[in-house]
């Protein structure tokens, strides 16, 4: 029988070798960017190594957290966070056999196959004893029905301390204060009991201040994406945001993002933003990318001159967290958790559309890609409204029906065929 996290560490080892190989012999799309691709991939490696180290330390806990919850509070209790929604994508581009095995395990246990593959994968990981044993479990009611179905199953399988928070479906200060109140009145006491450590506001302030430094770097990086040509390549553009979401408050992540920011600003000052391929189109990619096909964005750049600004890497919040009081810190953490990544879909579709059309204009996109992820009722249900607004605004749009973790729904070849046809016909 396998040990917990054994598969994860095997894939982590493979990612480490990939990062080193990329450093020595980068693909053409990444060659202009020096060590940045290596630094980003290696930071992922170190993150999972830190989770493994926390598993081996009886004095610490691994915090299994869900979108809607940011890492800062957990770092304040010396927990190592593992964002469960980012967990399946970690495997999908590196070892699809694990993805399929865990999906099948969940389905054999009775999870409906039409449930989001993210949730099925995590259930399968729990059933296969892959998730860390010395863990605690924190989740909320956003963003979707799939999580509300899957997470009680996961907690039952793991048998670890768990807390469920109620995320508001409204957008505004009152909603954020409501959620921040739960972080204060429910989450902090839960963490005190689960970890055996007393809450220390100064420790929280330290982690929030650290995350602010990383957040400001991320915002400065994102602003350079408005330049023409846009700096960096495909998935490399998404990496600062992905690293922030998973480890905001870690000094290691702050340093990595600072290095990225300094490079981006220097390229902007020197007019060196052009990459390996000519930019002819700018795509706002709404919803999840094809994680199972990590070379897709680079293929789009090389073959079609299409540069992607991924919507999930565009935060809806642009203010650092106010560290003056406990309430201001928790409100800031609540804003970040609820208004970035999938959690933006907790709100009315009209507000969601406002956010991504703002990004469309802000980054100067000329077309829109909307992935229709299997099992995601929010984005699939919004298709009609998106089509209507795109017609009114005369925005070219391509809908891609896929499973972002599982290539069996839409293969890389099929995705490329649809994308190529879109640029040859609609964008010609």
Protein backbone atom coordinates (compact mmCIF):
# COMPACT_ATOMS: atom_id res chain seq x y z
CA UNK A 1 0.00 0.00 0.00
CA UNK A 2 1.27 3.46 -0.87
CA UNK A 3 2.14 6.04 1.75
CA UNK A 4 0.34 9.40 1.92
CA UNK A 5 1.76 11.97 -0.51
CA UNK A 6 3.92 9.30 -2.21
CA UNK A 7 2.51 10.00 -5.67
CA UNK A 8 2.79 13.72 -5.07
CA UNK A 9 6.46 13.55 -4.17
CA UNK A 10 7.18 11.33 -7.18
CA UNK A 11 5.62 13.95 -9.46
CA UNK A 12 7.46 16.67 -7.54
CA UNK A 13 10.71 14.90 -8.35
CA UNK A 14 9.76 14.79 -12.00
CA UNK A 15 8.90 18.49 -11.97
CA UNK A 16 12.28 19.25 -10.39
CA UNK A 17 14.06 17.43 -13.21
CA UNK A 18 11.88 19.20 -15.77
CA UNK A 19 12.76 22.58 -14.26
CA UNK A 20 16.48 21.79 -14.41
CA UNK A 21 16.19 20.55 -17.99
CA UNK A 22 14.29 23.67 -18.98
CA UNK A 23 16.99 25.76 -17.36
CA UNK A 24 19.69 24.03 -19.40
CA UNK A 25 17.76 23.80 -22.68
CA UNK A 26 14.66 26.04 -22.67
CA UNK A 27 12.04 25.71 -25.41
CA UNK A 28 11.98 28.61 -27.92
CA UNK A 29 9.01 30.33 -26.29
CA UNK A 30 10.80 30.49 -22.92
CA UNK A 31 14.37 31.04 -24.06
CA UNK A 32 14.21 34.87 -23.87
CA UNK A 33 13.37 34.82 -20.15
CA UNK A 34 16.50 33.38 -18.58
CA UNK A 35 16.00 31.67 -15.23
CA UNK A 36 12.44 32.91 -14.61
CA UNK A 37 10.71 29.71 -15.82
CA UNK A 38 13.06 27.67 -13.63
CA UNK A 39 12.42 29.90 -10.59
CA UNK A 40 8.66 29.57 -10.97
CA UNK A 41 8.68 25.80 -11.43
CA UNK A 42 11.23 25.31 -8.68
CA UNK A 43 9.07 27.34 -6.30
CA UNK A 44 6.27 24.83 -6.89
CA UNK A 45 8.71 22.02 -6.13
CA UNK A 46 9.78 23.64 -2.87
CA UNK A 47 6.16 24.27 -1.90
CA UNK A 48 5.27 20.57 -2.12
CA UNK A 49 8.49 19.67 -0.34
CA UNK A 50 7.41 21.97 2.48
CA UNK A 51 4.08 20.17 2.70
CA UNK A 52 5.95 16.87 2.99
CA UNK A 53 8.19 18.33 5.71
CA UNK A 54 5.15 19.49 7.67
CA UNK A 55 3.69 15.98 7.41
CA UNK A 56 6.78 14.63 9.12
CA UNK A 57 6.69 17.19 11.94
CA UNK A 58 4.35 16.24 14.83
CA UNK A 59 4.28 19.84 16.01
CA UNK A 60 2.79 21.15 12.75
CA UNK A 61 -0.29 20.67 10.60
CA UNK A 62 -0.95 20.68 6.90
CA UNK A 63 -3.89 22.98 6.17
CA UNK A 64 -6.03 21.55 3.37
CA UNK A 65 -7.77 24.68 2.13
CA UNK A 66 -10.19 25.48 -0.64
CA UNK A 67 -10.66 28.45 -2.98
CA UNK A 68 -12.26 31.21 -0.95
CA UNK A 69 -9.63 30.88 1.77
CA UNK A 70 -6.22 32.50 1.55
CA UNK A 71 -3.09 31.12 3.27
CA UNK A 72 -2.17 34.02 5.57
CA UNK A 73 -4.20 32.97 8.62
CA UNK A 74 -2.89 29.40 8.34
CA UNK A 75 0.73 30.54 8.14
CA UNK A 76 0.08 32.50 11.34
CA UNK A 77 -0.57 29.16 13.06
CA UNK A 78 2.58 27.61 11.54
CA UNK A 79 0.49 25.45 9.21
CA UNK A 80 1.67 24.65 5.70
CA UNK A 81 -1.20 25.30 3.27
CA UNK A 82 -2.16 22.93 0.47
CA UNK A 83 -4.74 24.48 -1.86
CA UNK A 84 -6.87 21.54 -2.92
CA UNK A 85 -8.19 23.14 -6.12
CA UNK A 86 -4.62 23.57 -7.34
CA UNK A 87 -3.81 19.98 -6.45
CA UNK A 88 -5.26 18.15 -9.50
CA UNK A 89 -3.69 20.60 -11.99
CA UNK A 90 -0.35 19.82 -10.41
CA UNK A 91 -0.74 16.26 -11.73
CA UNK A 92 -2.65 16.82 -14.97
CA UNK A 93 0.21 18.19 -17.04
CA UNK A 94 2.79 15.83 -15.52
CA UNK A 95 1.16 12.46 -14.85
CA UNK A 96 -2.32 12.08 -16.37
CA UNK A 97 -2.45 8.45 -15.21
CA UNK A 98 -2.81 9.63 -11.61
CA UNK A 99 -5.62 11.97 -12.66
CA UNK A 100 -7.53 9.13 -14.30
CA UNK A 101 -6.91 6.69 -11.45
CA UNK A 102 -8.22 9.08 -8.82
CA UNK A 103 -11.20 10.13 -10.93
CA UNK A 104 -12.15 6.49 -11.40
CA UNK A 105 -11.76 5.77 -7.67
CA UNK A 106 -14.20 8.56 -6.86
CA UNK A 107 -16.70 7.35 -9.44
CA UNK A 108 -16.45 3.77 -8.19
CA UNK A 109 -17.26 5.10 -4.71
CA UNK A 110 -20.43 6.72 -6.04
CA UNK A 111 -19.43 10.29 -6.97
CA UNK A 112 -21.36 11.13 -10.17
CA UNK A 113 -19.11 11.42 -13.24
CA UNK A 114 -20.74 14.74 -14.15
CA UNK A 115 -19.32 16.28 -10.96
CA UNK A 116 -16.38 18.63 -11.54
CA UNK A 117 -13.16 16.67 -12.01
CA UNK A 118 -11.41 18.82 -9.42
CA UNK A 119 -13.77 17.58 -6.74
CA UNK A 120 -13.73 14.00 -8.03
CA UNK A 121 -9.94 14.01 -8.06
CA UNK A 122 -9.69 15.24 -4.47
CA UNK A 123 -12.19 12.63 -3.31
CA UNK A 124 -10.17 10.00 -5.18
CA UNK A 125 -6.95 11.27 -3.60
CA UNK A 126 -8.53 10.92 -0.16
CA UNK A 127 -9.82 7.42 -0.95
CA UNK A 128 -6.35 6.41 -2.19
CA UNK A 129 -4.71 7.73 1.00
CA UNK A 130 -2.71 10.32 -0.92
CA UNK A 131 -3.66 13.38 1.12
CA UNK A 132 -1.54 14.27 4.17
CA UNK A 133 -2.52 12.50 7.37
CA UNK A 134 -1.64 15.15 9.95
CA UNK A 135 -3.98 17.67 8.42
CA UNK A 136 -6.85 19.96 9.17
CA UNK A 137 -9.50 20.83 6.67
CA UNK A 138 -11.01 24.27 5.98
CA UNK A 139 -13.52 25.06 3.28
CA UNK A 140 -16.38 27.38 2.47
CA UNK A 141 -19.61 27.30 0.53
CA UNK A 142 -18.13 28.92 -2.57
CA UNK A 143 -17.64 28.74 -5.41
CA UNK A 144 -19.95 25.92 -6.50
CA UNK A 145 -22.26 23.01 -5.76
CA UNK A 146 -19.50 20.51 -6.56
CA UNK A 147 -17.42 21.58 -3.60
CA UNK A 148 -20.41 21.49 -1.28
CA UNK A 149 -21.04 17.89 -2.35
CA UNK A 150 -17.44 16.68 -2.35
CA UNK A 151 -15.94 18.28 0.70
CA UNK A 152 -18.07 16.57 3.37
CA UNK A 153 -17.13 13.26 1.69
CA UNK A 154 -13.44 14.17 1.86
CA UNK A 155 -13.69 15.14 5.52
CA UNK A 156 -15.47 11.88 6.31
CA UNK A 157 -12.73 9.86 4.59
CA UNK A 158 -9.88 11.75 6.22
CA UNK A 159 -11.42 11.97 9.69
CA UNK A 160 -9.45 15.14 10.41
CA UNK A 161 -10.59 18.36 12.13
CA UNK A 162 -12.76 20.32 9.71
CA UNK A 163 -14.56 23.63 9.46
CA UNK A 164 -17.13 24.83 6.94
CA UNK A 165 -17.60 28.56 6.41
CA UNK A 166 -20.51 30.30 4.73
CA UNK A 167 -19.42 32.47 1.80
CA UNK A 168 -21.75 35.33 0.83
CA UNK A 169 -23.28 35.42 -2.63
CA UNK A 170 -23.45 39.20 -2.58
CA UNK A 171 -20.67 41.57 -3.57
CA UNK A 172 -19.84 44.56 -1.38
CA UNK A 173 -18.50 45.71 1.96
CA UNK A 174 -21.28 44.16 4.04
CA UNK A 175 -20.69 40.75 2.43
CA UNK A 176 -16.97 40.96 3.10
CA UNK A 177 -17.52 41.97 6.72
CA UNK A 178 -19.86 39.02 7.14
CA UNK A 179 -17.21 36.62 5.84
CA UNK A 180 -14.43 38.30 7.82
CA UNK A 181 -16.54 37.83 10.93
CA UNK A 182 -16.53 34.09 10.32
CA UNK A 183 -12.75 34.11 9.95
CA UNK A 184 -12.55 35.87 13.32
CA UNK A 185 -15.27 34.05 15.25
CA UNK A 186 -15.07 30.56 13.72
CA UNK A 187 -11.82 29.94 11.85
CA UNK A 188 -9.36 31.36 14.40
CA UNK A 189 -10.86 29.43 17.37
CA UNK A 190 -10.94 26.30 15.19
CA UNK A 191 -7.24 26.68 14.36
CA UNK A 192 -6.37 27.25 18.00
CA UNK A 193 -8.03 23.97 18.93
CA UNK A 194 -6.76 21.98 15.93
CA UNK A 195 -3.13 23.13 16.24
CA UNK A 196 -2.90 23.56 20.00
CA UNK A 197 -1.43 27.05 19.46
CA UNK A 198 -2.77 30.36 20.70
CA UNK A 199 -3.63 33.04 18.18
CA UNK A 200 -0.95 35.73 17.94
CA UNK A 201 -2.08 38.92 16.20
CA UNK A 202 1.50 40.03 15.67
CA UNK A 203 2.26 36.79 13.87
CA UNK A 204 -0.79 37.33 11.64
CA UNK A 205 0.29 40.91 10.98
CA UNK A 206 3.72 39.63 9.98
CA UNK A 207 2.30 37.15 7.46
CA UNK A 208 -0.14 39.72 6.07
CA UNK A 209 2.63 42.29 5.66
CA UNK A 210 4.67 39.65 3.84
CA UNK A 211 1.75 38.83 1.57
CA UNK A 212 1.27 42.54 0.83
CA UNK A 213 4.81 42.76 -0.47
CA UNK A 214 4.14 39.82 -2.78
CA UNK A 215 0.73 41.21 -3.78
CA UNK A 216 2.18 44.56 -4.82
CA UNK A 217 4.79 42.75 -6.93
CA UNK A 218 2.04 40.76 -8.60
CA UNK A 219 0.04 43.88 -9.44
CA UNK A 220 3.10 45.55 -10.96
CA UNK A 221 3.79 42.43 -13.03
CA UNK A 222 0.19 42.37 -14.27
CA UNK A 223 0.37 46.00 -15.38
CA UNK A 224 3.26 45.18 -17.71
CA UNK A 225 0.89 42.82 -19.55
CA UNK A 226 -0.84 45.91 -20.96
CA UNK A 227 2.24 46.67 -23.04
CA UNK A 228 2.46 45.86 -26.75
CA UNK A 229 4.00 43.45 -27.35
CA UNK A 230 3.08 41.72 -24.11
CA UNK A 231 6.04 40.39 -22.09
CA UNK A 232 6.48 36.73 -21.21
CA UNK A 233 4.99 33.61 -22.62
CA UNK A 234 1.75 31.77 -22.02
CA UNK A 235 1.66 29.94 -18.74
CA UNK A 236 4.66 31.90 -17.48
CA UNK A 237 2.38 34.95 -17.34
CA UNK A 238 0.00 33.10 -15.04
CA UNK A 239 2.64 31.82 -12.64
CA UNK A 240 2.97 34.88 -10.33
CA UNK A 241 -0.75 34.79 -9.59
CA UNK A 242 -0.76 31.01 -9.09
CA UNK A 243 2.17 31.20 -6.70
CA UNK A 244 0.52 34.03 -4.76
CA UNK A 245 -2.79 32.23 -4.31
CA UNK A 246 -1.10 29.09 -3.03
CA UNK A 247 1.45 30.64 -0.67
CA UNK A 248 0.67 34.30 0.09
CA UNK A 249 2.56 35.14 3.27
CA UNK A 250 5.59 32.97 2.53
CA UNK A 251 8.85 34.98 2.30
CA UNK A 252 10.01 32.52 -0.36
CA UNK A 253 7.14 33.41 -2.67
CA UNK A 254 7.67 37.12 -2.04
CA UNK A 255 11.28 36.81 -3.18
CA UNK A 256 10.32 34.87 -6.30
CA UNK A 257 7.69 37.46 -7.25
CA UNK A 258 10.11 40.30 -6.51
CA UNK A 259 12.60 38.76 -8.94
CA UNK A 260 9.86 38.40 -11.56
CA UNK A 261 8.67 42.00 -10.96
CA UNK A 262 12.17 43.45 -11.27
CA UNK A 263 12.69 41.61 -14.54
CA UNK A 264 9.31 42.75 -15.90
CA UNK A 265 9.90 46.40 -15.04
CA UNK A 266 13.39 46.33 -16.51
CA UNK A 267 12.07 44.84 -19.76
CA UNK A 268 9.40 47.54 -19.86
CA UNK A 269 11.92 50.35 -19.29
CA UNK A 270 14.26 49.01 -21.95
CA UNK A 271 11.55 48.20 -24.49
CA UNK A 272 12.42 44.48 -24.45
CA UNK A 273 8.92 43.06 -24.07
CA UNK A 274 8.78 41.14 -27.33
CA UNK A 275 9.19 37.40 -26.91
CA UNK A 276 10.21 34.70 -29.34
CA UNK A 277 7.14 35.14 -31.57
CA UNK A 278 5.32 38.09 -33.11
CA UNK A 279 2.18 39.25 -31.31
CA UNK A 280 -0.82 39.54 -33.64
CA UNK A 281 -3.73 38.85 -31.27
CA UNK A 282 -4.46 39.27 -27.57
CA UNK A 283 -6.78 36.69 -26.03
CA UNK A 284 -8.61 37.10 -22.75
CA UNK A 285 -9.00 33.51 -21.56
CA UNK A 286 -12.00 33.32 -19.24
CA UNK A 287 -12.22 30.46 -16.76
CA UNK A 288 -9.83 27.52 -16.48
CA UNK A 289 -7.01 26.87 -18.99
CA UNK A 290 -6.09 23.50 -20.49
CA UNK A 291 -3.77 22.48 -17.68
CA UNK A 292 -3.46 19.01 -19.18
CA UNK A 293 -1.81 20.61 -22.21
CA UNK A 294 0.83 23.00 -20.82
CA UNK A 295 2.27 23.76 -24.26
CA UNK A 296 -1.01 25.07 -25.72
CA UNK A 297 -0.36 28.74 -25.03
CA UNK A 298 3.12 28.51 -26.52
CA UNK A 299 1.65 26.78 -29.60
CA UNK A 300 -0.87 29.61 -29.96
CA UNK A 301 1.94 32.15 -29.85
CA UNK A 302 4.17 30.37 -32.33
CA UNK A 303 1.53 29.29 -34.85
CA UNK A 304 -1.08 32.02 -34.54
CA UNK A 305 0.63 35.00 -32.87
CA UNK A 306 -2.07 34.81 -30.16
CA UNK A 307 -0.97 35.94 -26.68
CA UNK A 308 -3.14 34.94 -23.73
CA UNK A 309 -4.05 37.02 -20.70
CA UNK A 310 -5.70 34.46 -18.43
CA UNK A 311 -8.75 35.82 -16.58
CA UNK A 312 -8.11 33.72 -13.50
CA UNK A 313 -4.77 35.51 -13.11
CA UNK A 314 -6.48 38.91 -13.08
CA UNK A 315 -7.54 39.72 -9.50
CA UNK A 316 -10.76 41.60 -8.87
CA UNK A 317 -9.14 43.27 -5.84
CA UNK A 318 -6.35 45.80 -6.30
CA UNK A 319 -5.66 47.00 -2.76
CA UNK A 320 -3.11 45.58 -0.31
CA UNK A 321 -4.45 44.51 3.07
CA UNK A 322 -4.72 47.12 5.83
CA UNK A 323 -2.69 45.74 8.77
CA UNK A 324 -3.83 48.28 11.38
CA UNK A 325 -6.34 46.06 13.23
CA UNK A 326 -7.48 42.45 13.35
CA UNK A 327 -10.73 43.33 11.61
CA UNK A 328 -9.03 45.21 8.75
CA UNK A 329 -6.64 42.30 8.22
CA UNK A 330 -9.42 39.75 8.15
CA UNK A 331 -11.53 41.89 5.82
CA UNK A 332 -8.57 42.14 3.44
CA UNK A 333 -8.01 38.39 3.56
CA UNK A 334 -11.74 37.87 2.96
CA UNK A 335 -11.66 40.19 -0.09
CA UNK A 336 -8.75 38.29 -1.60
CA UNK A 337 -10.26 34.88 -0.99
CA UNK A 338 -13.67 35.75 -2.36
CA UNK A 339 -12.70 37.93 -5.31
CA UNK A 340 -9.93 35.93 -6.96
CA UNK A 341 -9.82 32.59 -8.81
CA UNK A 342 -13.02 30.56 -9.03
CA UNK A 343 -14.61 32.38 -6.10
CA UNK A 344 -15.58 35.32 -8.32
CA UNK A 345 -18.32 33.08 -9.65
CA UNK A 346 -20.18 33.16 -6.36
CA UNK A 347 -21.72 36.49 -7.40
CA UNK A 348 -24.39 37.41 -9.91
CA UNK A 349 -23.39 36.63 -13.50
CA UNK A 350 -23.76 40.32 -14.39
CA UNK A 351 -21.03 41.26 -11.89
CA UNK A 352 -18.83 38.44 -13.13
CA UNK A 353 -19.27 39.71 -16.71
CA UNK A 354 -18.39 43.23 -15.61
CA UNK A 355 -15.13 41.98 -14.13
CA UNK A 356 -13.90 40.09 -17.14
CA UNK A 357 -15.00 42.69 -19.68
CA UNK A 358 -13.11 45.25 -17.62
CA UNK A 359 -10.05 42.99 -18.00
CA UNK A 360 -10.78 42.64 -21.73
CA UNK A 361 -10.53 46.41 -22.16
CA UNK A 362 -7.74 46.95 -19.64
CA UNK A 363 -5.38 44.51 -21.34
CA UNK A 364 -6.40 45.45 -24.88
CA UNK A 365 -7.72 42.03 -25.87
CA UNK A 366 -9.22 41.52 -29.30
CA UNK A 367 -11.00 38.22 -28.70
CA UNK A 368 -12.41 36.12 -25.89
CA UNK A 369 -11.97 32.42 -25.12
CA UNK A 370 -14.44 30.94 -22.62
CA UNK A 371 -13.84 27.40 -21.46
CA UNK A 372 -16.95 25.36 -20.68
CA UNK A 373 -15.47 23.09 -18.04
CA UNK A 374 -17.46 19.89 -17.56
CA UNK A 375 -19.20 19.97 -14.21
CA UNK A 376 -18.97 23.75 -13.75
CA UNK A 377 -22.58 24.88 -13.67
CA UNK A 378 -21.60 28.51 -13.13
CA UNK A 379 -19.62 29.10 -16.31
CA UNK A 380 -21.66 26.72 -18.47
CA UNK A 381 -24.90 28.30 -17.26
CA UNK A 382 -23.59 31.77 -18.09
CA UNK A 383 -22.92 30.92 -21.74
CA UNK A 384 -26.11 32.47 -23.08
CA UNK A 385 -25.50 35.76 -21.27
CA UNK A 386 -21.87 35.83 -22.41
CA UNK A 387 -22.91 35.27 -26.03
CA UNK A 388 -25.50 38.05 -25.77
CA UNK A 389 -23.04 40.60 -24.35
CA UNK A 390 -20.37 39.61 -26.89
CA UNK A 391 -22.84 40.20 -29.75
CA UNK A 392 -23.77 43.60 -28.33
CA UNK A 393 -20.12 44.60 -27.92
CA UNK A 394 -19.02 42.91 -31.16
CA UNK A 395 -16.45 40.84 -29.27
CA UNK A 396 -15.26 37.68 -31.08
CA UNK A 397 -15.71 34.70 -28.75
CA UNK A 398 -14.76 31.03 -28.83
CA UNK A 399 -16.32 28.54 -26.41
CA UNK A 400 -14.20 25.46 -25.68
CA UNK A 401 -16.00 22.53 -24.06
CA UNK A 402 -13.41 20.60 -22.07
CA UNK A 403 -12.29 19.19 -18.75
CA UNK A 404 -9.24 21.16 -17.74
CA UNK A 405 -7.81 18.22 -15.80
CA UNK A 406 -8.65 15.39 -18.18
CA UNK A 407 -7.65 15.34 -21.86
CA UNK A 408 -10.17 12.59 -22.64
CA UNK A 409 -12.97 15.16 -22.94
CA UNK A 410 -11.18 17.42 -25.43
CA UNK A 411 -7.79 16.23 -26.63
CA UNK A 412 -4.91 18.64 -27.27
CA UNK A 413 -5.27 17.97 -30.99
CA UNK A 414 -9.01 18.73 -30.95
CA UNK A 415 -8.45 21.95 -28.99
CA UNK A 416 -5.81 23.10 -31.45
CA UNK A 417 -8.10 22.35 -34.39
CA UNK A 418 -10.91 24.47 -32.94
CA UNK A 419 -8.59 27.33 -32.03
CA UNK A 420 -6.89 27.34 -35.41
CA UNK A 421 -10.26 27.38 -37.19
CA UNK A 422 -11.37 30.33 -35.04
CA UNK A 423 -8.37 32.44 -36.06
CA UNK A 424 -8.60 31.40 -39.71
CA UNK A 425 -12.28 32.33 -39.97
CA UNK A 426 -13.49 34.74 -37.27
CA UNK A 427 -10.17 36.62 -36.75
CA UNK A 428 -8.91 36.57 -40.35
